[in-house]
Amino acid sequence: HPSQVVLRTGRPCLNSVQGVKNPQGRTVWINVNAQ
């Protein structure tokens, strides 16, 4: 996960596309940037 990559390396992790399930069971597609 981008946040874990940042905590491990100390470097930004950008433009990670992920699908996550919301409580209604629908897949939400997100673009994640972590600094």
ModelCIF file with pLDDT and N, C-alpha, C, O atoms, coordinates in Angstrom:
data_MODEL
#
_entry.id   MODEL 
#
_entity.id                         1 
_entity.type                       polymer 
_entity.pdbx_number_of_molecules   1 
#
_entity_poly.entity_id                      1 
_entity_poly.type                           'polypeptide(L)' 
_entity_poly.nstd_linkage                   no 
_entity_poly.nstd_monomer                   no 
_entity_poly.pdbx_seq_one_letter_code       HPSQVVLRTGRPCLNSVQGVKNPQGRTVWINVNAQ 
_entity_poly.pdbx_seq_one_letter_code_can   HPSQVVLRTGRPCLNSVQGVKNPQGRTVWINVNAQ 
_entity_poly.pdbx_strand_id                 A 
#
loop_
_entity_poly_seq.entity_id 
_entity_poly_seq.num 
_entity_poly_seq.mon_id 
_entity_poly_seq.hetero 
1 1  HIS n 
1 2  PRO n 
1 3  SER n 
1 4  GLN n 
1 5  VAL n 
1 6  VAL n 
1 7  LEU n 
1 8  ARG n 
1 9  THR n 
1 10 GLY n 
1 11 ARG n 
1 12 PRO n 
1 13 CYS n 
1 14 LEU n 
1 15 ASN n 
1 16 SER n 
1 17 VAL n 
1 18 GLN n 
1 19 GLY n 
1 20 VAL n 
1 21 LYS n 
1 22 ASN n 
1 23 PRO n 
1 24 GLN n 
1 25 GLY n 
1 26 ARG n 
1 27 THR n 
1 28 VAL n 
1 29 TRP n 
1 30 ILE n 
1 31 ASN n 
1 32 VAL n 
1 33 ASN n 
1 34 ALA n 
1 35 GLN n 
#
_struct_asym.id          A 
_struct_asym.entity_id   1 
#
loop_
_ma_qa_metric.id 
_ma_qa_metric.mode 
_ma_qa_metric.name 
_ma_qa_metric.software_group_id 
_ma_qa_metric.type 
1 global pLDDT . pLDDT 
2 local  pLDDT . pLDDT 
#
_ma_qa_metric_global.metric_id      1 
_ma_qa_metric_global.metric_value   92.06 
_ma_qa_metric_global.model_id       1 
_ma_qa_metric_global.ordinal_id     1 
#
loop_
_ma_qa_metric_local.label_asym_id 
_ma_qa_metric_local.label_comp_id 
_ma_qa_metric_local.label_seq_id 
_ma_qa_metric_local.metric_id 
_ma_qa_metric_local.metric_value 
_ma_qa_metric_local.model_id 
_ma_qa_metric_local.ordinal_id 
A HIS 1  2 92.00 1 1  
A PRO 2  2 93.00 1 2  
A SER 3  2 93.00 1 3  
A GLN 4  2 92.00 1 4  
A VAL 5  2 93.00 1 5  
A VAL 6  2 94.00 1 6  
A LEU 7  2 92.00 1 7  
A ARG 8  2 91.00 1 8  
A THR 9  2 92.00 1 9  
A GLY 10 2 91.00 1 10 
A ARG 11 2 93.00 1 11 
A PRO 12 2 94.00 1 12 
A CYS 13 2 94.00 1 13 
A LEU 14 2 95.00 1 14 
A ASN 15 2 94.00 1 15 
A SER 16 2 93.00 1 16 
A VAL 17 2 94.00 1 17 
A GLN 18 2 94.00 1 18 
A GLY 19 2 93.00 1 19 
A VAL 20 2 91.00 1 20 
A LYS 21 2 87.00 1 21 
A ASN 22 2 84.00 1 22 
A PRO 23 2 82.00 1 23 
A GLN 24 2 85.00 1 24 
A GLY 25 2 85.00 1 25 
A ARG 26 2 88.00 1 26 
A THR 27 2 91.00 1 27 
A VAL 28 2 93.00 1 28 
A TRP 29 2 95.00 1 29 
A ILE 30 2 96.00 1 30 
A ASN 31 2 96.00 1 31 
A VAL 32 2 96.00 1 32 
A ASN 33 2 96.00 1 33 
A ALA 34 2 96.00 1 34 
A GLN 35 2 94.00 1 35 
#
loop_
_atom_site.group_PDB 
_atom_site.id 
_atom_site.type_symbol 
_atom_site.label_atom_id 
_atom_site.label_alt_id 
_atom_site.label_comp_id 
_atom_site.label_asym_id 
_atom_site.label_entity_id 
_atom_site.label_seq_id 
_atom_site.pdbx_PDB_ins_code 
_atom_site.Cartn_x 
_atom_site.Cartn_y 
_atom_site.Cartn_z 
_atom_site.occupancy 
_atom_site.B_iso_or_equiv 
_atom_site.pdbx_formal_charge 
_atom_site.auth_seq_id 
_atom_site.auth_comp_id 
_atom_site.auth_asym_id 
_atom_site.auth_atom_id 
_atom_site.pdbx_PDB_model_num 
ATOM 1   N N  . HIS A 1 1  ? 0.847   -1.188 0.000  1.00 92.00 ? 1  HIS A N  1 
ATOM 2   C CA . HIS A 1 1  ? 0.000   0.000  0.000  1.00 92.00 ? 1  HIS A CA 1 
ATOM 3   C C  . HIS A 1 1  ? 0.885   1.240  0.000  1.00 92.00 ? 1  HIS A C  1 
ATOM 4   O O  . HIS A 1 1  ? 1.909   1.254  0.683  1.00 92.00 ? 1  HIS A O  1 
ATOM 5   N N  . PRO A 1 2  ? 0.518   2.291  -0.752 1.00 93.00 ? 2  PRO A N  1 
ATOM 6   C CA . PRO A 1 2  ? 1.370   3.488  -0.839 1.00 93.00 ? 2  PRO A CA 1 
ATOM 7   C C  . PRO A 1 2  ? 1.820   4.043  0.510  1.00 93.00 ? 2  PRO A C  1 
ATOM 8   O O  . PRO A 1 2  ? 2.973   4.449  0.663  1.00 93.00 ? 2  PRO A O  1 
ATOM 9   N N  . SER A 1 3  ? 0.920   4.062  1.483  1.00 93.00 ? 3  SER A N  1 
ATOM 10  C CA . SER A 1 3  ? 1.298   4.606  2.795  1.00 93.00 ? 3  SER A CA 1 
ATOM 11  C C  . SER A 1 3  ? 2.413   3.789  3.432  1.00 93.00 ? 3  SER A C  1 
ATOM 12  O O  . SER A 1 3  ? 3.308   4.338  4.073  1.00 93.00 ? 3  SER A O  1 
ATOM 13  N N  . GLN A 1 4  ? 2.351   2.460  3.249  1.00 92.00 ? 4  GLN A N  1 
ATOM 14  C CA . GLN A 1 4  ? 3.378   1.603  3.835  1.00 92.00 ? 4  GLN A CA 1 
ATOM 15  C C  . GLN A 1 4  ? 4.701   1.724  3.094  1.00 92.00 ? 4  GLN A C  1 
ATOM 16  O O  . GLN A 1 4  ? 5.771   1.649  3.699  1.00 92.00 ? 4  GLN A O  1 
ATOM 17  N N  . VAL A 1 5  ? 4.623   1.912  1.771  1.00 93.00 ? 5  VAL A N  1 
ATOM 18  C CA . VAL A 1 5  ? 5.844   2.135  0.989  1.00 93.00 ? 5  VAL A CA 1 
ATOM 19  C C  . VAL A 1 5  ? 6.533   3.413  1.450  1.00 93.00 ? 5  VAL A C  1 
ATOM 20  O O  . VAL A 1 5  ? 7.756   3.452  1.585  1.00 93.00 ? 5  VAL A O  1 
ATOM 21  N N  . VAL A 1 6  ? 5.740   4.466  1.692  1.00 94.00 ? 6  VAL A N  1 
ATOM 22  C CA . VAL A 1 6  ? 6.308   5.739  2.150  1.00 94.00 ? 6  VAL A CA 1 
ATOM 23  C C  . VAL A 1 6  ? 6.930   5.581  3.526  1.00 94.00 ? 6  VAL A C  1 
ATOM 24  O O  . VAL A 1 6  ? 8.048   6.045  3.751  1.00 94.00 ? 6  VAL A O  1 
ATOM 25  N N  . LEU A 1 7  ? 6.238   4.941  4.445  1.00 92.00 ? 7  LEU A N  1 
ATOM 26  C CA . LEU A 1 7  ? 6.782   4.763  5.791  1.00 92.00 ? 7  LEU A CA 1 
ATOM 27  C C  . LEU A 1 7  ? 8.045   3.919  5.780  1.00 92.00 ? 7  LEU A C  1 
ATOM 28  O O  . LEU A 1 7  ? 8.926   4.099  6.620  1.00 92.00 ? 7  LEU A O  1 
ATOM 29  N N  . ARG A 1 8  ? 8.133   2.997  4.829  1.00 91.00 ? 8  ARG A N  1 
ATOM 30  C CA . ARG A 1 8  ? 9.293   2.114  4.765  1.00 91.00 ? 8  ARG A CA 1 
ATOM 31  C C  . ARG A 1 8  ? 10.482  2.776  4.077  1.00 91.00 ? 8  ARG A C  1 
ATOM 32  O O  . ARG A 1 8  ? 11.628  2.570  4.476  1.00 91.00 ? 8  ARG A O  1 
ATOM 33  N N  . THR A 1 9  ? 10.208  3.576  3.036  1.00 92.00 ? 9  THR A N  1 
ATOM 34  C CA . THR A 1 9  ? 11.295  4.127  2.222  1.00 92.00 ? 9  THR A CA 1 
ATOM 35  C C  . THR A 1 9  ? 11.551  5.609  2.475  1.00 92.00 ? 9  THR A C  1 
ATOM 36  O O  . THR A 1 9  ? 12.644  6.108  2.209  1.00 92.00 ? 9  THR A O  1 
ATOM 37  N N  . GLY A 1 10 ? 10.536  6.317  2.992  1.00 91.00 ? 10 GLY A N  1 
ATOM 38  C CA . GLY A 1 10 ? 10.684  7.759  3.176  1.00 91.00 ? 10 GLY A CA 1 
ATOM 39  C C  . GLY A 1 10 ? 10.506  8.544  1.900  1.00 91.00 ? 10 GLY A C  1 
ATOM 40  O O  . GLY A 1 10 ? 10.741  9.752  1.880  1.00 91.00 ? 10 GLY A O  1 
ATOM 41  N N  . ARG A 1 11 ? 10.090  7.877  0.824  1.00 93.00 ? 11 ARG A N  1 
ATOM 42  C CA . ARG A 1 11 ? 9.917   8.549  -0.464 1.00 93.00 ? 11 ARG A CA 1 
ATOM 43  C C  . ARG A 1 11 ? 8.452   8.541  -0.883 1.00 93.00 ? 11 ARG A C  1 
ATOM 44  O O  . ARG A 1 11 ? 7.701   7.643  -0.503 1.00 93.00 ? 11 ARG A O  1 
ATOM 45  N N  . PRO A 1 12 ? 8.041   9.547  -1.674 1.00 94.00 ? 12 PRO A N  1 
ATOM 46  C CA . PRO A 1 12 ? 6.635   9.589  -2.126 1.00 94.00 ? 12 PRO A CA 1 
ATOM 47  C C  . PRO A 1 12 ? 6.287   8.366  -2.965 1.00 94.00 ? 12 PRO A C  1 
ATOM 48  O O  . PRO A 1 12 ? 7.144   7.784  -3.629 1.00 94.00 ? 12 PRO A O  1 
ATOM 49  N N  . CYS A 1 13 ? 5.020   7.993  -2.922 1.00 94.00 ? 13 CYS A N  1 
ATOM 50  C CA . CYS A 1 13 ? 4.486   6.917  -3.756 1.00 94.00 ? 13 CYS A CA 1 
ATOM 51  C C  . CYS A 1 13 ? 3.255   7.488  -4.446 1.00 94.00 ? 13 CYS A C  1 
ATOM 52  O O  . CYS A 1 13 ? 2.260   7.803  -3.793 1.00 94.00 ? 13 CYS A O  1 
ATOM 53  N N  . LEU A 1 14 ? 3.324   7.621  -5.764 1.00 95.00 ? 14 LEU A N  1 
ATOM 54  C CA . LEU A 1 14 ? 2.320   8.393  -6.501 1.00 95.00 ? 14 LEU A CA 1 
ATOM 55  C C  . LEU A 1 14 ? 1.546   7.540  -7.503 1.00 95.00 ? 14 LEU A C  1 
ATOM 56  O O  . LEU A 1 14 ? 2.044   6.542  -8.024 1.00 95.00 ? 14 LEU A O  1 
ATOM 57  N N  . ASN A 1 15 ? 0.315   7.970  -7.752 1.00 94.00 ? 15 ASN A N  1 
ATOM 58  C CA . ASN A 1 15 ? -0.534  7.424  -8.823 1.00 94.00 ? 15 ASN A CA 1 
ATOM 59  C C  . ASN A 1 15 ? -0.726  5.911  -8.736 1.00 94.00 ? 15 ASN A C  1 
ATOM 60  O O  . ASN A 1 15 ? -0.540  5.192  -9.717 1.00 94.00 ? 15 ASN A O  1 
ATOM 61  N N  . SER A 1 16 ? -1.094  5.451  -7.571 1.00 93.00 ? 16 SER A N  1 
ATOM 62  C CA . SER A 1 16 ? -1.425  4.040  -7.386 1.00 93.00 ? 16 SER A CA 1 
ATOM 63  C C  . SER A 1 16 ? -2.936  3.880  -7.566 1.00 93.00 ? 16 SER A C  1 
ATOM 64  O O  . SER A 1 16 ? -3.715  4.449  -6.802 1.00 93.00 ? 16 SER A O  1 
ATOM 65  N N  . VAL A 1 17 ? -3.347  3.113  -8.567 1.00 94.00 ? 17 VAL A N  1 
ATOM 66  C CA . VAL A 1 17 ? -4.769  2.883  -8.841 1.00 94.00 ? 17 VAL A CA 1 
ATOM 67  C C  . VAL A 1 17 ? -5.213  1.611  -8.126 1.00 94.00 ? 17 VAL A C  1 
ATOM 68  O O  . VAL A 1 17 ? -4.612  0.549  -8.293 1.00 94.00 ? 17 VAL A O  1 
ATOM 69  N N  . GLN A 1 18 ? -6.271  1.733  -7.328 1.00 94.00 ? 18 GLN A N  1 
ATOM 70  C CA . GLN A 1 18 ? -6.742  0.607  -6.530 1.00 94.00 ? 18 GLN A CA 1 
ATOM 71  C C  . GLN A 1 18 ? -8.262  0.524  -6.571 1.00 94.00 ? 18 GLN A C  1 
ATOM 72  O O  . GLN A 1 18 ? -8.955  1.525  -6.749 1.00 94.00 ? 18 GLN A O  1 
ATOM 73  N N  . GLY A 1 19 ? -8.752  -0.680 -6.402 1.00 93.00 ? 19 GLY A N  1 
ATOM 74  C CA . GLY A 1 19 ? -10.179 -0.901 -6.218 1.00 93.00 ? 19 GLY A CA 1 
ATOM 75  C C  . GLY A 1 19 ? -10.428 -1.351 -4.796 1.00 93.00 ? 19 GLY A C  1 
ATOM 76  O O  . GLY A 1 19 ? -9.810  -2.315 -4.344 1.00 93.00 ? 19 GLY A O  1 
ATOM 77  N N  . VAL A 1 20 ? -11.316 -0.681 -4.076 1.00 91.00 ? 20 VAL A N  1 
ATOM 78  C CA . VAL A 1 20 ? -11.643 -1.054 -2.703 1.00 91.00 ? 20 VAL A CA 1 
ATOM 79  C C  . VAL A 1 20 ? -13.155 -1.219 -2.584 1.00 91.00 ? 20 VAL A C  1 
ATOM 80  O O  . VAL A 1 20 ? -13.922 -0.541 -3.267 1.00 91.00 ? 20 VAL A O  1 
ATOM 81  N N  . LYS A 1 21 ? -13.562 -2.115 -1.722 1.00 87.00 ? 21 LYS A N  1 
ATOM 82  C CA . LYS A 1 21 ? -14.991 -2.370 -1.486 1.00 87.00 ? 21 LYS A CA 1 
ATOM 83  C C  . LYS A 1 21 ? -15.496 -1.429 -0.398 1.00 87.00 ? 21 LYS A C  1 
ATOM 84  O O  . LYS A 1 21 ? -14.901 -1.329 0.675  1.00 87.00 ? 21 LYS A O  1 
ATOM 85  N N  . ASN A 1 22 ? -16.611 -0.734 -0.690 1.00 84.00 ? 22 ASN A N  1 
ATOM 86  C CA . ASN A 1 22 ? -17.217 0.073  0.359  1.00 84.00 ? 22 ASN A CA 1 
ATOM 87  C C  . ASN A 1 22 ? -18.189 -0.793 1.153  1.00 84.00 ? 22 ASN A C  1 
ATOM 88  O O  . ASN A 1 22 ? -18.430 -1.937 0.769  1.00 84.00 ? 22 ASN A O  1 
ATOM 89  N N  . PRO A 1 23 ? -18.759 -0.284 2.253  1.00 82.00 ? 23 PRO A N  1 
ATOM 90  C CA . PRO A 1 23 ? -19.645 -1.125 3.079  1.00 82.00 ? 23 PRO A CA 1 
ATOM 91  C C  . PRO A 1 23 ? -20.854 -1.670 2.327  1.00 82.00 ? 23 PRO A C  1 
ATOM 92  O O  . PRO A 1 23 ? -21.440 -2.666 2.753  1.00 82.00 ? 23 PRO A O  1 
ATOM 93  N N  . GLN A 1 24 ? -21.240 -1.036 1.212  1.00 85.00 ? 24 GLN A N  1 
ATOM 94  C CA . GLN A 1 24 ? -22.372 -1.520 0.422  1.00 85.00 ? 24 GLN A CA 1 
ATOM 95  C C  . GLN A 1 24 ? -21.969 -2.617 -0.557 1.00 85.00 ? 24 GLN A C  1 
ATOM 96  O O  . GLN A 1 24 ? -22.812 -3.144 -1.282 1.00 85.00 ? 24 GLN A O  1 
ATOM 97  N N  . GLY A 1 25 ? -20.674 -2.964 -0.580 1.00 85.00 ? 25 GLY A N  1 
ATOM 98  C CA . GLY A 1 25 ? -20.192 -4.021 -1.450 1.00 85.00 ? 25 GLY A CA 1 
ATOM 99  C C  . GLY A 1 25 ? -19.816 -3.567 -2.842 1.00 85.00 ? 25 GLY A C  1 
ATOM 100 O O  . GLY A 1 25 ? -19.449 -4.392 -3.679 1.00 85.00 ? 25 GLY A O  1 
ATOM 101 N N  . ARG A 1 26 ? -19.899 -2.262 -3.114 1.00 88.00 ? 26 ARG A N  1 
ATOM 102 C CA . ARG A 1 26 ? -19.547 -1.746 -4.433 1.00 88.00 ? 26 ARG A CA 1 
ATOM 103 C C  . ARG A 1 26 ? -18.053 -1.445 -4.491 1.00 88.00 ? 26 ARG A C  1 
ATOM 104 O O  . ARG A 1 26 ? -17.475 -0.949 -3.524 1.00 88.00 ? 26 ARG A O  1 
ATOM 105 N N  . THR A 1 27 ? -17.437 -1.744 -5.623 1.00 91.00 ? 27 THR A N  1 
ATOM 106 C CA . THR A 1 27 ? -16.020 -1.428 -5.794 1.00 91.00 ? 27 THR A CA 1 
ATOM 107 C C  . THR A 1 27 ? -15.857 0.045  -6.140 1.00 91.00 ? 27 THR A C  1 
ATOM 108 O O  . THR A 1 27 ? -16.446 0.538  -7.102 1.00 91.00 ? 27 THR A O  1 
ATOM 109 N N  . VAL A 1 28 ? -15.063 0.731  -5.356 1.00 93.00 ? 28 VAL A N  1 
ATOM 110 C CA . VAL A 1 28 ? -14.733 2.125  -5.597 1.00 93.00 ? 28 VAL A CA 1 
ATOM 111 C C  . VAL A 1 28 ? -13.300 2.177  -6.102 1.00 93.00 ? 28 VAL A C  1 
ATOM 112 O O  . VAL A 1 28 ? -12.384 1.677  -5.449 1.00 93.00 ? 28 VAL A O  1 
ATOM 113 N N  . TRP A 1 29 ? -13.111 2.788  -7.273 1.00 95.00 ? 29 TRP A N  1 
ATOM 114 C CA . TRP A 1 29 ? -11.771 2.910  -7.839 1.00 95.00 ? 29 TRP A CA 1 
ATOM 115 C C  . TRP A 1 29 ? -11.172 4.250  -7.426 1.00 95.00 ? 29 TRP A C  1 
ATOM 116 O O  . TRP A 1 29 ? -11.794 5.301  -7.580 1.00 95.00 ? 29 TRP A O  1 
ATOM 117 N N  . ILE A 1 30 ? -9.958  4.188  -6.903 1.00 96.00 ? 30 ILE A N  1 
ATOM 118 C CA . ILE A 1 30 ? -9.311  5.393  -6.397 1.00 96.00 ? 30 ILE A CA 1 
ATOM 119 C C  . ILE A 1 30 ? -7.890  5.501  -6.932 1.00 96.00 ? 30 ILE A C  1 
ATOM 120 O O  . ILE A 1 30 ? -7.227  4.503  -7.213 1.00 96.00 ? 30 ILE A O  1 
ATOM 121 N N  . ASN A 1 31 ? -7.451  6.742  -7.061 1.00 96.00 ? 31 ASN A N  1 
ATOM 122 C CA . ASN A 1 31 ? -6.056  7.032  -7.373 1.00 96.00 ? 31 ASN A CA 1 
ATOM 123 C C  . ASN A 1 31 ? -5.424  7.574  -6.098 1.00 96.00 ? 31 ASN A C  1 
ATOM 124 O O  . ASN A 1 31 ? -5.890  8.568  -5.541 1.00 96.00 ? 31 ASN A O  1 
ATOM 125 N N  . VAL A 1 32 ? -4.369  6.923  -5.641 1.00 96.00 ? 32 VAL A N  1 
ATOM 126 C CA . VAL A 1 32 ? -3.783  7.225  -4.338 1.00 96.00 ? 32 VAL A CA 1 
ATOM 127 C C  . VAL A 1 32 ? -2.391  7.831  -4.507 1.00 96.00 ? 32 VAL A C  1 
ATOM 128 O O  . VAL A 1 32 ? -1.556  7.317  -5.251 1.00 96.00 ? 32 VAL A O  1 
ATOM 129 N N  . ASN A 1 33 ? -2.166  8.937  -3.797 1.00 96.00 ? 33 ASN A N  1 
ATOM 130 C CA . ASN A 1 33 ? -0.841  9.554  -3.716 1.00 96.00 ? 33 ASN A CA 1 
ATOM 131 C C  . ASN A 1 33 ? -0.474  9.693  -2.249 1.00 96.00 ? 33 ASN A C  1 
ATOM 132 O O  . ASN A 1 33 ? -1.275  10.167 -1.444 1.00 96.00 ? 33 ASN A O  1 
ATOM 133 N N  . ALA A 1 34 ? 0.727   9.283  -1.908 1.00 96.00 ? 34 ALA A N  1 
ATOM 134 C CA . ALA A 1 34 ? 1.167   9.335  -0.515 1.00 96.00 ? 34 ALA A CA 1 
ATOM 135 C C  . ALA A 1 34 ? 2.497   10.075 -0.413 1.00 96.00 ? 34 ALA A C  1 
ATOM 136 O O  . ALA A 1 34 ? 3.411   9.857  -1.209 1.00 96.00 ? 34 ALA A O  1 
ATOM 137 N N  . GLN A 1 35 ? 2.586   10.954 0.581  1.00 94.00 ? 35 GLN A N  1 
ATOM 138 C CA . GLN A 1 35 ? 3.785   11.753 0.805  1.00 94.00 ? 35 GLN A CA 1 
ATOM 139 C C  . GLN A 1 35 ? 4.222   11.616 2.258  1.00 94.00 ? 35 GLN A C  1 
ATOM 140 O O  . GLN A 1 35 ? 5.220   12.214 2.662  1.00 94.00 ? 35 GLN A O  1 
#
